[in-house]
Amino acid sequence: MFTCLPYHDHNEVGDTLYVGKGDDGSGNATTILPLGGRGAFMDLGNTQTVTGAKTFFVVPKSSQDASAATDLVRKSQFDAGLGGKAAASHGHAIGDVSGLQTALDGKSDDAHGHAIADVAGLQTALNGKAPLASPALSGAPTAPTPTSGTNTTQIATTAFVQSALAGFGAGDMLKATYDSDADGKVDAAETADSVPWGGITGKPSSFTPSTHSHAIAQVTGLQSALDAKAPLASPALTGTPTAPTATNGTSTTQVATTAFVAAAIGALIDAASGAMDTLNELAAALGDDLNFVTSVANALAGKLSAASNLSDLPNKATSRSNLGLGSIATQAASNVTISGGSIDGIALDGGTF
């Protein structure tokens, strides 16, 4: 059994044929569907908006993965591509970022300080600024003009002063009023000039002279700076103090360095052998005799003089006896007297007998 559709239409603008189906009870179609034409099918040659979810009846195979810029991408291919990617919100350790640790090592901590000299041009910039306390302004400084009648510590401009003067009204500064004697001086000033020192009230009890002194404690940081210095008298130096090395042979109150001592010792031993280059070794060689010179002199005093050729013998007779020499040792070679005894083995070669 066939039911006639209550509605059909051909849209020439969209070039689509529509059909209506269903009945709302009044002969009107409840659903209108594209039956043919561009609006019913994918248009390969023109721009077309496709709505609704499209599902492939047969899923493309992996060999059909998109590769060209205009290819459609399967969800499974897209998910596989995202599988190795990081989440939109994720973190990294410093070691995961190449060169980051090295770059950080060359940076300062968030909380750190700098001396003024560490910032290029800062001292010069500061020198060009006025201090908050007692600034010595120059040029033509300006400031906001206070409201007329202001009586506070706010800076007064020239405009404020002129406005205040104008408020006095004509005649307030007449010469006849303030210089009654017409001498060019304000009467009140003349009166002030004649006030004695004792008549001035509210003055300080004492004044600091232009030339004065301060205690060390009144100079910020001075005591700490002095504590870090060595005194001239008996300084207790620490660490490795240095000083200029005195010239060899210097014998004054100049400070001696280790180099000076080493040179003096080297000159003292004068390249002596290892067995005689210390005072202990020299003392041992001298027999540890504190009176070595006296002992040697006394010992030499008891010796015969080589230049005297035995003439300085104190007892010559005893000496001859000790040597086994008889009286013949005292006779002249040309006049020998022999009395008694016998002489064996003497060859006579002439002479007087």
C-alpha atoms as a PDB file:
ATOM      1  CA  MET A   1       0.000   0.000   0.000  1.00  0.00           C
ATOM      2  CA  PHE A   2       1.400   3.370  -0.925  1.00  0.00           C
ATOM      3  CA  THR A   3       0.635   6.622   0.789  1.00  0.00           C
ATOM      4  CA  CYS A   4       0.858   9.804  -1.220  1.00  0.00           C
ATOM      5  CA  LEU A   5       3.237  12.329   0.235  1.00  0.00           C
ATOM      6  CA  PRO A   6       1.423  15.476   1.101  1.00  0.00           C
ATOM      7  CA  TYR A   7       4.279  17.760   0.148  1.00  0.00           C
ATOM      8  CA  HIS A   8       7.094  18.127  -2.330  1.00  0.00           C
ATOM      9  CA  ASP A   9       9.150  21.101  -3.381  1.00  0.00           C
ATOM     10  CA  HIS A  10      12.028  21.981  -5.641  1.00  0.00           C
ATOM     11  CA  ASN A  11      14.271  24.766  -4.344  1.00  0.00           C
ATOM     12  CA  GLU A  12      15.856  26.332  -7.389  1.00  0.00           C
ATOM     13  CA  VAL A  13      18.089  28.610  -5.298  1.00  0.00           C
ATOM     14  CA  GLY A  14      19.688  25.686  -3.460  1.00  0.00           C
ATOM     15  CA  ASP A  15      19.062  23.366  -6.432  1.00  0.00           C
ATOM     16  CA  THR A  16      17.573  20.785  -4.072  1.00  0.00           C
ATOM     17  CA  LEU A  17      14.428  18.651  -4.302  1.00  0.00           C
ATOM     18  CA  TYR A  18      12.615  18.252  -0.971  1.00  0.00           C
ATOM     19  CA  VAL A  19       9.808  15.869   0.027  1.00  0.00           C
ATOM     20  CA  GLY A  20       7.519  16.045   2.984  1.00  0.00           C
ATOM     21  CA  LYS A  21       6.382  13.098   5.032  1.00  0.00           C
ATOM     22  CA  GLY A  22       4.185  12.512   7.965  1.00  0.00           C
ATOM     23  CA  ASP A  23       0.911  14.194   8.776  1.00  0.00           C
ATOM     24  CA  ASP A  24       0.299  16.551  11.622  1.00  0.00           C
ATOM     25  CA  GLY A  25      -3.436  15.800  11.382  1.00  0.00           C
ATOM     26  CA  SER A  26      -4.175  18.802   9.252  1.00  0.00           C
ATOM     27  CA  GLY A  27      -2.619  17.546   6.051  1.00  0.00           C
ATOM     28  CA  ASN A  28       0.803  19.140   6.672  1.00  0.00           C
ATOM     29  CA  ALA A  29       4.020  17.218   6.495  1.00  0.00           C
ATOM     30  CA  THR A  30       5.778  16.835   9.829  1.00  0.00           C
ATOM     31  CA  THR A  31       9.236  16.244   8.288  1.00  0.00           C
ATOM     32  CA  ILE A  32      10.832  17.756   5.181  1.00  0.00           C
ATOM     33  CA  LEU A  33      13.859  15.917   3.796  1.00  0.00           C
ATOM     34  CA  PRO A  34      16.166  16.696   0.883  1.00  0.00           C
ATOM     35  CA  LEU A  35      15.590  14.097  -1.770  1.00  0.00           C
ATOM     36  CA  GLY A  36      17.978  15.079  -4.524  1.00  0.00           C
ATOM     37  CA  GLY A  37      20.243  17.861  -5.798  1.00  0.00           C
ATOM     38  CA  ARG A  38      23.143  19.710  -4.183  1.00  0.00           C
ATOM     39  CA  GLY A  39      21.400  20.055  -0.862  1.00  0.00           C
ATOM     40  CA  ALA A  40      20.833  16.315  -0.597  1.00  0.00           C
ATOM     41  CA  PHE A  41      24.391  15.110  -1.360  1.00  0.00           C
ATOM     42  CA  MET A  42      27.996  16.108  -0.787  1.00  0.00           C
ATOM     43  CA  ASP A  43      28.972  18.726  -3.357  1.00  0.00           C
ATOM     44  CA  LEU A  44      32.518  18.011  -4.513  1.00  0.00           C
ATOM     45  CA  GLY A  45      32.920  21.184  -6.532  1.00  0.00           C
ATOM     46  CA  ASN A  46      31.539  23.946  -4.338  1.00  0.00           C
ATOM     47  CA  THR A  47      31.586  25.232  -0.770  1.00  0.00           C
ATOM     48  CA  GLN A  48      28.986  23.445   1.320  1.00  0.00           C
ATOM     49  CA  THR A  49      28.118  23.380   5.031  1.00  0.00           C
ATOM     50  CA  VAL A  50      27.610  19.838   6.340  1.00  0.00           C
ATOM     51  CA  THR A  51      25.684  19.527   9.615  1.00  0.00           C
ATOM     52  CA  GLY A  52      25.010  16.651  11.988  1.00  0.00           C
ATOM     53  CA  ALA A  53      27.263  13.781  13.033  1.00  0.00           C
ATOM     54  CA  LYS A  54      28.564  11.681  10.119  1.00  0.00           C
ATOM     55  CA  THR A  55      29.516   8.077  10.777  1.00  0.00           C
ATOM     56  CA  PHE A  56      31.306   5.805   8.334  1.00  0.00           C
ATOM     57  CA  PHE A  57      29.550   2.486   7.873  1.00  0.00           C
ATOM     58  CA  VAL A  58      32.890   0.946   6.992  1.00  0.00           C
ATOM     59  CA  VAL A  59      35.774   2.377   9.092  1.00  0.00           C
ATOM     60  CA  PRO A  60      38.832   3.327   6.962  1.00  0.00           C
ATOM     61  CA  LYS A  61      41.769   0.977   7.402  1.00  0.00           C
ATOM     62  CA  SER A  62      45.140   2.019   8.809  1.00  0.00           C
ATOM     63  CA  SER A  63      46.517   1.909   5.283  1.00  0.00           C
ATOM     64  CA  GLN A  64      44.008   4.651   4.508  1.00  0.00           C
ATOM     65  CA  ASP A  65      45.350   7.058   7.165  1.00  0.00           C
ATOM     66  CA  ALA A  66      45.300  10.685   6.141  1.00  0.00           C
ATOM     67  CA  SER A  67      48.560  11.945   4.706  1.00  0.00           C
ATOM     68  CA  ALA A  68      47.767  14.858   2.391  1.00  0.00           C
ATOM     69  CA  ALA A  69      46.744  18.266   3.721  1.00  0.00           C
ATOM     70  CA  THR A  70      43.135  17.817   2.490  1.00  0.00           C
ATOM     71  CA  ASP A  71      42.632  14.193   3.698  1.00  0.00           C
ATOM     72  CA  LEU A  72      40.121  13.385   6.427  1.00  0.00           C
ATOM     73  CA  VAL A  73      41.632  12.039   9.643  1.00  0.00           C
ATOM     74  CA  ARG A  74      40.134   9.010  11.411  1.00  0.00           C
ATOM     75  CA  LYS A  75      39.497   9.425  15.146  1.00  0.00           C
ATOM     76  CA  SER A  76      41.687   6.410  15.886  1.00  0.00           C
ATOM     77  CA  GLN A  77      44.511   7.957  13.852  1.00  0.00           C
ATOM     78  CA  PHE A  78      44.027  11.280  15.653  1.00  0.00           C
ATOM     79  CA  ASP A  79      43.952   9.570  19.090  1.00  0.00           C
ATOM     80  CA  ALA A  80      47.089   7.612  18.215  1.00  0.00           C
ATOM     81  CA  GLY A  81      48.842  10.860  17.280  1.00  0.00           C
ATOM     82  CA  LEU A  82      47.800  12.468  20.558  1.00  0.00           C
ATOM     83  CA  GLY A  83      48.884   9.426  22.570  1.00  0.00           C
ATOM     84  CA  GLY A  84      52.519  10.538  22.665  1.00  0.00           C
ATOM     85  CA  LYS A  85      51.773  14.188  23.345  1.00  0.00           C
ATOM     86  CA  ALA A  86      51.702  15.998  26.676  1.00  0.00           C
ATOM     87  CA  ALA A  87      48.452  17.222  28.148  1.00  0.00           C
ATOM     88  CA  ALA A  88      47.569  20.876  27.637  1.00  0.00           C
ATOM     89  CA  SER A  89      48.253  21.401  31.330  1.00  0.00           C
ATOM     90  CA  HIS A  90      51.462  19.619  32.386  1.00  0.00           C
ATOM     91  CA  GLY A  91      54.813  20.254  34.083  1.00  0.00           C
ATOM     92  CA  HIS A  92      58.484  19.664  33.436  1.00  0.00           C
ATOM     93  CA  ALA A  93      61.431  19.115  35.753  1.00  0.00           C
ATOM     94  CA  ILE A  94      64.358  21.490  35.230  1.00  0.00           C
ATOM     95  CA  GLY A  95      66.442  18.580  33.979  1.00  0.00           C
ATOM     96  CA  ASP A  96      63.878  17.966  31.183  1.00  0.00           C
ATOM     97  CA  VAL A  97      64.595  21.360  29.622  1.00  0.00           C
ATOM     98  CA  SER A  98      67.932  21.415  27.807  1.00  0.00           C
ATOM     99  CA  GLY A  99      70.273  24.116  29.124  1.00  0.00           C
ATOM    100  CA  LEU A 100      67.787  25.454  31.695  1.00  0.00           C
ATOM    101  CA  GLN A 101      69.823  24.471  34.781  1.00  0.00           C
ATOM    102  CA  THR A 102      72.962  26.068  33.316  1.00  0.00           C
ATOM    103  CA  ALA A 103      71.020  29.234  32.554  1.00  0.00           C
ATOM    104  CA  LEU A 104      69.573  29.305  36.092  1.00  0.00           C
ATOM    105  CA  ASP A 105      73.008  28.771  37.663  1.00  0.00           C
ATOM    106  CA  GLY A 106      74.121  32.049  36.109  1.00  0.00           C
ATOM    107  CA  LYS A 107      71.222  33.967  37.605  1.00  0.00           C
ATOM    108  CA  SER A 108      70.827  35.568  41.003  1.00  0.00           C
ATOM    109  CA  ASP A 109      68.278  34.420  43.578  1.00  0.00           C
ATOM    110  CA  ASP A 110      64.938  36.211  43.679  1.00  0.00           C
ATOM    111  CA  ALA A 111      65.908  37.629  47.066  1.00  0.00           C
ATOM    112  CA  HIS A 112      69.288  39.317  46.735  1.00  0.00           C
ATOM    113  CA  GLY A 113      70.800  42.745  47.119  1.00  0.00           C
ATOM    114  CA  HIS A 114      73.040  45.034  45.160  1.00  0.00           C
ATOM    115  CA  ALA A 115      75.318  47.834  46.221  1.00  0.00           C
ATOM    116  CA  ILE A 116      74.698  51.153  44.468  1.00  0.00           C
ATOM    117  CA  ALA A 117      78.035  50.742  42.655  1.00  0.00           C
ATOM    118  CA  ASP A 118      76.795  47.431  41.143  1.00  0.00           C
ATOM    119  CA  VAL A 119      74.082  49.236  39.139  1.00  0.00           C
ATOM    120  CA  ALA A 120      75.545  51.090  36.165  1.00  0.00           C
ATOM    121  CA  GLY A 121      74.779  54.790  36.243  1.00  0.00           C
ATOM    122  CA  LEU A 122      72.763  54.594  39.479  1.00  0.00           C
ATOM    123  CA  GLN A 123      75.115  56.738  41.561  1.00  0.00           C
ATOM    124  CA  THR A 124      75.187  59.403  38.842  1.00  0.00           C
ATOM    125  CA  ALA A 125      71.391  59.320  38.642  1.00  0.00           C
ATOM    126  CA  LEU A 126      71.096  59.621  42.426  1.00  0.00           C
ATOM    127  CA  ASN A 127      73.549  62.522  42.461  1.00  0.00           C
ATOM    128  CA  GLY A 128      71.192  64.341  40.105  1.00  0.00           C
ATOM    129  CA  LYS A 129      68.265  63.959  42.502  1.00  0.00           C
ATOM    130  CA  ALA A 130      67.349  66.160  45.449  1.00  0.00           C
ATOM    131  CA  PRO A 131      67.241  64.630  48.953  1.00  0.00           C
ATOM    132  CA  LEU A 132      64.000  64.671  50.914  1.00  0.00           C
ATOM    133  CA  ALA A 133      65.754  66.348  53.833  1.00  0.00           C
ATOM    134  CA  SER A 134      66.902  69.949  53.219  1.00  0.00           C
ATOM    135  CA  PRO A 135      67.283  69.763  49.420  1.00  0.00           C
ATOM    136  CA  ALA A 136      69.531  72.444  47.904  1.00  0.00           C
ATOM    137  CA  LEU A 137      67.439  73.058  44.794  1.00  0.00           C
ATOM    138  CA  SER A 138      68.807  75.110  41.904  1.00  0.00           C
ATOM    139  CA  GLY A 139      67.490  76.604  38.706  1.00  0.00           C
ATOM    140  CA  ALA A 140      63.778  77.469  38.836  1.00  0.00           C
ATOM    141  CA  PRO A 141      62.014  74.770  40.897  1.00  0.00           C
ATOM    142  CA  THR A 142      58.219  74.693  40.648  1.00  0.00           C
ATOM    143  CA  ALA A 143      55.448  73.360  42.878  1.00  0.00           C
ATOM    144  CA  PRO A 144      51.628  73.346  42.998  1.00  0.00           C
ATOM    145  CA  THR A 145      50.273  76.705  44.220  1.00  0.00           C
ATOM    146  CA  PRO A 146      48.413  76.269  47.536  1.00  0.00           C
ATOM    147  CA  THR A 147      44.895  77.547  47.981  1.00  0.00           C
ATOM    148  CA  SER A 148      44.783  81.162  49.107  1.00  0.00           C
ATOM    149  CA  GLY A 149      44.869  81.377  52.880  1.00  0.00           C
ATOM    150  CA  THR A 150      46.680  78.049  53.385  1.00  0.00           C
ATOM    151  CA  ASN A 151      48.769  78.116  56.571  1.00  0.00           C
ATOM    152  CA  THR A 152      50.621  74.777  56.739  1.00  0.00           C
ATOM    153  CA  THR A 153      54.076  73.425  55.901  1.00  0.00           C
ATOM    154  CA  GLN A 154      53.118  73.188  52.212  1.00  0.00           C
ATOM    155  CA  ILE A 155      55.589  74.941  49.898  1.00  0.00           C
ATOM    156  CA  ALA A 156      54.467  78.431  48.899  1.00  0.00           C
ATOM    157  CA  THR A 157      54.947  79.464  45.282  1.00  0.00           C
ATOM    158  CA  THR A 158      55.597  82.972  44.041  1.00  0.00           C
ATOM    159  CA  ALA A 159      51.993  83.046  42.815  1.00  0.00           C
ATOM    160  CA  PHE A 160      50.789  82.212  46.345  1.00  0.00           C
ATOM    161  CA  VAL A 161      52.941  85.006  47.818  1.00  0.00           C
ATOM    162  CA  GLN A 162      51.764  87.573  45.291  1.00  0.00           C
ATOM    163  CA  SER A 163      48.162  86.586  45.955  1.00  0.00           C
ATOM    164  CA  ALA A 164      48.726  86.907  49.724  1.00  0.00           C
ATOM    165  CA  LEU A 165      50.326  90.339  49.304  1.00  0.00           C
ATOM    166  CA  ALA A 166      47.465  91.516  47.159  1.00  0.00           C
ATOM    167  CA  GLY A 167      45.109  90.544  49.961  1.00  0.00           C
ATOM    168  CA  PHE A 168      46.568  93.171  52.273  1.00  0.00           C
ATOM    169  CA  GLY A 169      44.835  95.885  50.341  1.00  0.00           C
ATOM    170  CA  ALA A 170      46.054  99.336  49.341  1.00  0.00           C
ATOM    171  CA  GLY A 171      47.822 101.330  52.036  1.00  0.00           C
ATOM    172  CA  ASP A 172      48.800  98.388  54.267  1.00  0.00           C
ATOM    173  CA  MET A 173      52.474  98.812  53.302  1.00  0.00           C
ATOM    174  CA  LEU A 174      52.541 102.603  53.050  1.00  0.00           C
ATOM    175  CA  LYS A 175      55.893 104.143  53.838  1.00  0.00           C
ATOM    176  CA  ALA A 176      54.257 106.688  56.124  1.00  0.00           C
ATOM    177  CA  THR A 177      52.969 103.819  58.281  1.00  0.00           C
ATOM    178  CA  TYR A 178      56.118 101.660  58.613  1.00  0.00           C
ATOM    179  CA  ASP A 179      58.886 104.264  58.101  1.00  0.00           C
ATOM    180  CA  SER A 180      57.590 107.206  60.061  1.00  0.00           C
ATOM    181  CA  ASP A 181      61.006 108.857  60.286  1.00  0.00           C
ATOM    182  CA  ALA A 182      61.624 108.452  56.510  1.00  0.00           C
ATOM    183  CA  ASP A 183      65.116 106.980  57.010  1.00  0.00           C
ATOM    184  CA  GLY A 184      64.545 104.089  54.618  1.00  0.00           C
ATOM    185  CA  LYS A 185      64.277 101.493  57.398  1.00  0.00           C
ATOM    186  CA  VAL A 186      61.159  99.863  58.787  1.00  0.00           C
ATOM    187  CA  ASP A 187      60.520 101.247  62.233  1.00  0.00           C
ATOM    188  CA  ALA A 188      59.989  97.790  63.756  1.00  0.00           C
ATOM    189  CA  ALA A 189      63.326  96.615  62.321  1.00  0.00           C
ATOM    190  CA  GLU A 190      65.101  99.547  63.830  1.00  0.00           C
ATOM    191  CA  THR A 191      63.559  98.681  67.165  1.00  0.00           C
ATOM    192  CA  ALA A 192      64.699  95.060  66.812  1.00  0.00           C
ATOM    193  CA  ASP A 193      68.253  96.211  66.050  1.00  0.00           C
ATOM    194  CA  SER A 194      68.420  97.939  69.414  1.00  0.00           C
ATOM    195  CA  VAL A 195      67.168  94.981  71.459  1.00  0.00           C
ATOM    196  CA  PRO A 196      69.959  93.677  73.776  1.00  0.00           C
ATOM    197  CA  TRP A 197      71.001  90.018  73.592  1.00  0.00           C
ATOM    198  CA  GLY A 198      69.489  89.376  76.986  1.00  0.00           C
ATOM    199  CA  GLY A 199      66.151  90.716  75.801  1.00  0.00           C
ATOM    200  CA  ILE A 200      65.740  88.012  73.124  1.00  0.00           C
ATOM    201  CA  THR A 201      63.599  85.126  74.319  1.00  0.00           C
ATOM    202  CA  GLY A 202      63.392  81.574  72.984  1.00  0.00           C
ATOM    203  CA  LYS A 203      67.027  81.437  71.836  1.00  0.00           C
ATOM    204  CA  PRO A 204      69.071  78.197  72.405  1.00  0.00           C
ATOM    205  CA  SER A 205      71.118  77.964  75.579  1.00  0.00           C
ATOM    206  CA  SER A 206      74.240  77.091  73.561  1.00  0.00           C
ATOM    207  CA  PHE A 207      75.408  77.091  69.967  1.00  0.00           C
ATOM    208  CA  THR A 208      77.704  74.595  68.254  1.00  0.00           C
ATOM    209  CA  PRO A 209      80.801  76.474  67.056  1.00  0.00           C
ATOM    210  CA  SER A 210      81.770  76.330  63.399  1.00  0.00           C
ATOM    211  CA  THR A 211      84.836  74.335  64.473  1.00  0.00           C
ATOM    212  CA  HIS A 212      83.822  71.416  66.700  1.00  0.00           C
ATOM    213  CA  SER A 213      84.483  67.714  67.222  1.00  0.00           C
ATOM    214  CA  HIS A 214      82.478  64.494  67.320  1.00  0.00           C
ATOM    215  CA  ALA A 215      82.863  61.325  69.351  1.00  0.00           C
ATOM    216  CA  ILE A 216      83.645  58.158  67.388  1.00  0.00           C
ATOM    217  CA  ALA A 217      80.204  56.767  68.265  1.00  0.00           C
ATOM    218  CA  GLN A 218      78.574  59.731  66.498  1.00  0.00           C
ATOM    219  CA  VAL A 219      80.098  58.738  63.146  1.00  0.00           C
ATOM    220  CA  THR A 220      78.194  55.809  61.636  1.00  0.00           C
ATOM    221  CA  GLY A 221      80.384  52.753  61.057  1.00  0.00           C
ATOM    222  CA  LEU A 222      83.588  54.418  62.255  1.00  0.00           C
ATOM    223  CA  GLN A 223      84.099  52.184  65.301  1.00  0.00           C
ATOM    224  CA  SER A 224      83.666  49.018  63.214  1.00  0.00           C
ATOM    225  CA  ALA A 225      86.172  50.333  60.684  1.00  0.00           C
ATOM    226  CA  LEU A 226      88.687  51.139  63.431  1.00  0.00           C
ATOM    227  CA  ASP A 227      88.220  47.707  65.052  1.00  0.00           C
ATOM    228  CA  ALA A 228      89.311  46.090  61.793  1.00  0.00           C
ATOM    229  CA  LYS A 229      92.611  48.019  61.783  1.00  0.00           C
ATOM    230  CA  ALA A 230      95.863  47.086  63.566  1.00  0.00           C
ATOM    231  CA  PRO A 231      97.261  49.476  66.193  1.00  0.00           C
ATOM    232  CA  LEU A 232     100.707  51.003  65.684  1.00  0.00           C
ATOM    233  CA  ALA A 233     101.828  49.791  69.131  1.00  0.00           C
ATOM    234  CA  SER A 234     102.205  46.004  69.534  1.00  0.00           C
ATOM    235  CA  PRO A 235      99.703  44.948  66.837  1.00  0.00           C
ATOM    236  CA  ALA A 236      98.416  41.352  67.157  1.00  0.00           C
ATOM    237  CA  LEU A 237      98.362  40.543  63.438  1.00  0.00           C
ATOM    238  CA  THR A 238      96.561  37.453  62.139  1.00  0.00           C
ATOM    239  CA  GLY A 239      96.468  35.540  58.881  1.00  0.00           C
ATOM    240  CA  THR A 240      99.595  35.970  56.724  1.00  0.00           C
ATOM    241  CA  PRO A 241     100.916  39.529  57.176  1.00  0.00           C
ATOM    242  CA  THR A 242     103.510  40.701  54.643  1.00  0.00           C
ATOM    243  CA  ALA A 243     106.143  43.439  54.625  1.00  0.00           C
ATOM    244  CA  PRO A 244     108.941  44.686  52.329  1.00  0.00           C
ATOM    245  CA  THR A 245     112.065  42.507  52.580  1.00  0.00           C
ATOM    246  CA  ALA A 246     115.032  44.407  54.014  1.00  0.00           C
ATOM    247  CA  THR A 247     118.382  44.487  52.208  1.00  0.00           C
ATOM    248  CA  ASN A 248     120.810  41.725  53.274  1.00  0.00           C
ATOM    249  CA  GLY A 249     122.911  42.850  56.212  1.00  0.00           C
ATOM    250  CA  THR A 250     120.346  45.377  57.491  1.00  0.00           C
ATOM    251  CA  SER A 251     120.506  45.668  61.284  1.00  0.00           C
ATOM    252  CA  THR A 252     117.825  48.135  62.348  1.00  0.00           C
ATOM    253  CA  THR A 253     114.284  48.040  63.780  1.00  0.00           C
ATOM    254  CA  GLN A 254     112.905  47.333  60.296  1.00  0.00           C
ATOM    255  CA  VAL A 255     110.591  44.300  60.200  1.00  0.00           C
ATOM    256  CA  ALA A 256     112.368  41.139  59.015  1.00  0.00           C
ATOM    257  CA  THR A 257     110.531  38.876  56.563  1.00  0.00           C
ATOM    258  CA  THR A 258     110.997  35.133  56.152  1.00  0.00           C
ATOM    259  CA  ALA A 259     112.948  35.885  52.960  1.00  0.00           C
ATOM    260  CA  PHE A 260     115.344  38.129  54.920  1.00  0.00           C
ATOM    261  CA  VAL A 261     115.881  35.416  57.566  1.00  0.00           C
ATOM    262  CA  ALA A 262     116.475  32.733  54.929  1.00  0.00           C
ATOM    263  CA  ALA A 263     119.044  34.963  53.196  1.00  0.00           C
ATOM    264  CA  ALA A 264     120.796  35.744  56.515  1.00  0.00           C
ATOM    265  CA  ILE A 265     121.027  32.059  57.431  1.00  0.00           C
ATOM    266  CA  GLY A 266     122.318  31.238  53.949  1.00  0.00           C
ATOM    267  CA  ALA A 267     125.048  33.854  54.335  1.00  0.00           C
ATOM    268  CA  LEU A 268     125.886  32.562  57.811  1.00  0.00           C
ATOM    269  CA  ILE A 269     126.490  28.931  56.835  1.00  0.00           C
ATOM    270  CA  ASP A 270     128.070  30.057  53.534  1.00  0.00           C
ATOM    271  CA  ALA A 271     127.200  26.842  51.709  1.00  0.00           C
ATOM    272  CA  ALA A 272     128.536  24.649  54.540  1.00  0.00           C
ATOM    273  CA  SER A 273     128.197  20.896  54.148  1.00  0.00           C
ATOM    274  CA  GLY A 274     125.105  19.199  55.487  1.00  0.00           C
ATOM    275  CA  ALA A 275     127.043  17.898  58.517  1.00  0.00           C
ATOM    276  CA  MET A 276     128.164  21.403  59.560  1.00  0.00           C
ATOM    277  CA  ASP A 277     125.262  23.690  58.593  1.00  0.00           C
ATOM    278  CA  THR A 278     123.510  23.939  61.958  1.00  0.00           C
ATOM    279  CA  LEU A 279     124.625  25.401  65.294  1.00  0.00           C
ATOM    280  CA  ASN A 280     124.167  22.007  66.993  1.00  0.00           C
ATOM    281  CA  GLU A 281     126.492  20.343  64.487  1.00  0.00           C
ATOM    282  CA  LEU A 282     129.073  23.120  64.938  1.00  0.00           C
ATOM    283  CA  ALA A 283     128.823  22.808  68.743  1.00  0.00           C
ATOM    284  CA  ALA A 284     129.381  19.052  68.513  1.00  0.00           C
ATOM    285  CA  ALA A 285     132.426  19.641  66.306  1.00  0.00           C
ATOM    286  CA  LEU A 286     133.815  21.975  69.008  1.00  0.00           C
ATOM    287  CA  GLY A 287     133.230  19.387  71.681  1.00  0.00           C
ATOM    288  CA  ASP A 288     130.419  21.455  73.211  1.00  0.00           C
ATOM    289  CA  ASP A 289     133.211  23.535  74.853  1.00  0.00           C
ATOM    290  CA  LEU A 290     131.869  26.951  75.821  1.00  0.00           C
ATOM    291  CA  ASN A 291     135.516  28.158  76.262  1.00  0.00           C
ATOM    292  CA  PHE A 292     136.807  26.560  73.085  1.00  0.00           C
ATOM    293  CA  VAL A 293     139.088  29.493  72.198  1.00  0.00           C
ATOM    294  CA  THR A 294     140.689  29.533  75.675  1.00  0.00           C
ATOM    295  CA  SER A 295     141.088  25.777  75.637  1.00  0.00           C
ATOM    296  CA  VAL A 296     142.802  25.869  72.242  1.00  0.00           C
ATOM    297  CA  ALA A 297     145.049  28.761  73.308  1.00  0.00           C
ATOM    298  CA  ASN A 298     146.080  26.907  76.473  1.00  0.00           C
ATOM    299  CA  ALA A 299     146.750  23.761  74.502  1.00  0.00           C
ATOM    300  CA  LEU A 300     148.885  25.628  71.971  1.00  0.00           C
ATOM    301  CA  ALA A 301     150.812  27.373  74.744  1.00  0.00           C
ATOM    302  CA  GLY A 302     152.290  24.004  75.812  1.00  0.00           C
ATOM    303  CA  LYS A 303     153.609  23.177  72.338  1.00  0.00           C
ATOM    304  CA  LEU A 304     157.098  23.810  70.864  1.00  0.00           C
ATOM    305  CA  SER A 305     157.446  26.425  68.173  1.00  0.00           C
ATOM    306  CA  ALA A 306     158.356  24.962  64.817  1.00  0.00           C
ATOM    307  CA  ALA A 307     160.419  28.047  64.000  1.00  0.00           C
ATOM    308  CA  SER A 308     162.585  27.552  67.165  1.00  0.00           C
ATOM    309  CA  ASN A 309     163.903  24.164  65.957  1.00  0.00           C
ATOM    310  CA  LEU A 310     163.820  22.658  69.498  1.00  0.00           C
ATOM    311  CA  SER A 311     165.748  25.595  70.965  1.00  0.00           C
ATOM    312  CA  ASP A 312     162.739  26.316  73.176  1.00  0.00           C
ATOM    313  CA  LEU A 313     162.953  22.963  75.014  1.00  0.00           C
ATOM    314  CA  PRO A 314     162.668  23.802  78.718  1.00  0.00           C
ATOM    315  CA  ASN A 315     165.045  20.913  79.812  1.00  0.00           C
ATOM    316  CA  LYS A 316     167.301  19.798  77.012  1.00  0.00           C
ATOM    317  CA  ALA A 317     169.277  17.253  79.087  1.00  0.00           C
ATOM    318  CA  THR A 318     166.111  15.411  80.104  1.00  0.00           C
ATOM    319  CA  SER A 319     164.908  15.535  76.511  1.00  0.00           C
ATOM    320  CA  ARG A 320     168.190  13.928  75.287  1.00  0.00           C
ATOM    321  CA  SER A 321     167.939  11.305  77.961  1.00  0.00           C
ATOM    322  CA  ASN A 322     164.351  10.572  76.924  1.00  0.00           C
ATOM    323  CA  LEU A 323     165.557  10.228  73.345  1.00  0.00           C
ATOM    324  CA  GLY A 324     168.400   7.859  74.415  1.00  0.00           C
ATOM    325  CA  LEU A 325     171.183  10.271  73.462  1.00  0.00           C
ATOM    326  CA  GLY A 326     174.428  10.380  75.418  1.00  0.00           C
ATOM    327  CA  SER A 327     176.963  13.170  75.889  1.00  0.00           C
ATOM    328  CA  ILE A 328     178.219  12.698  72.350  1.00  0.00           C
ATOM    329  CA  ALA A 329     175.041  14.343  71.140  1.00  0.00           C
ATOM    330  CA  THR A 330     176.320  17.618  72.578  1.00  0.00           C
ATOM    331  CA  GLN A 331     179.840  17.495  70.934  1.00  0.00           C
ATOM    332  CA  ALA A 332     180.779  19.270  67.754  1.00  0.00           C
ATOM    333  CA  ALA A 333     181.162  17.081  64.726  1.00  0.00           C
ATOM    334  CA  SER A 334     184.792  18.249  64.270  1.00  0.00           C
ATOM    335  CA  ASN A 335     185.793  17.615  67.885  1.00  0.00           C
ATOM    336  CA  VAL A 336     184.374  14.400  69.291  1.00  0.00           C
ATOM    337  CA  THR A 337     185.880  12.965  72.482  1.00  0.00           C
ATOM    338  CA  ILE A 338     185.328   9.308  73.274  1.00  0.00           C
ATOM    339  CA  SER A 339     186.415   8.012  76.638  1.00  0.00           C
ATOM    340  CA  GLY A 340     185.930   4.454  77.693  1.00  0.00           C
ATOM    341  CA  GLY A 341     183.828   1.881  76.066  1.00  0.00           C
ATOM    342  CA  SER A 342     184.084   0.498  72.612  1.00  0.00           C
ATOM    343  CA  ILE A 343     182.853   1.549  69.187  1.00  0.00           C
ATOM    344  CA  ASP A 344     182.012  -1.058  66.627  1.00  0.00           C
ATOM    345  CA  GLY A 345     181.379  -0.657  62.927  1.00  0.00           C
ATOM    346  CA  ILE A 346     182.970   2.746  62.377  1.00  0.00           C
ATOM    347  CA  ALA A 347     184.726   3.424  59.052  1.00  0.00           C
ATOM    348  CA  LEU A 348     187.428   6.023  59.227  1.00  0.00           C
ATOM    349  CA  ASP A 349     188.114   7.925  56.025  1.00  0.00           C
ATOM    350  CA  GLY A 350     190.836  10.263  57.172  1.00  0.00           C
ATOM    351  CA  GLY A 351     190.999  13.102  59.521  1.00  0.00           C
ATOM    352  CA  THR A 352     192.671  13.802  62.836  1.00  0.00           C
ATOM    353  CA  PHE A 353     192.472  11.305  65.657  1.00  0.00           C
END
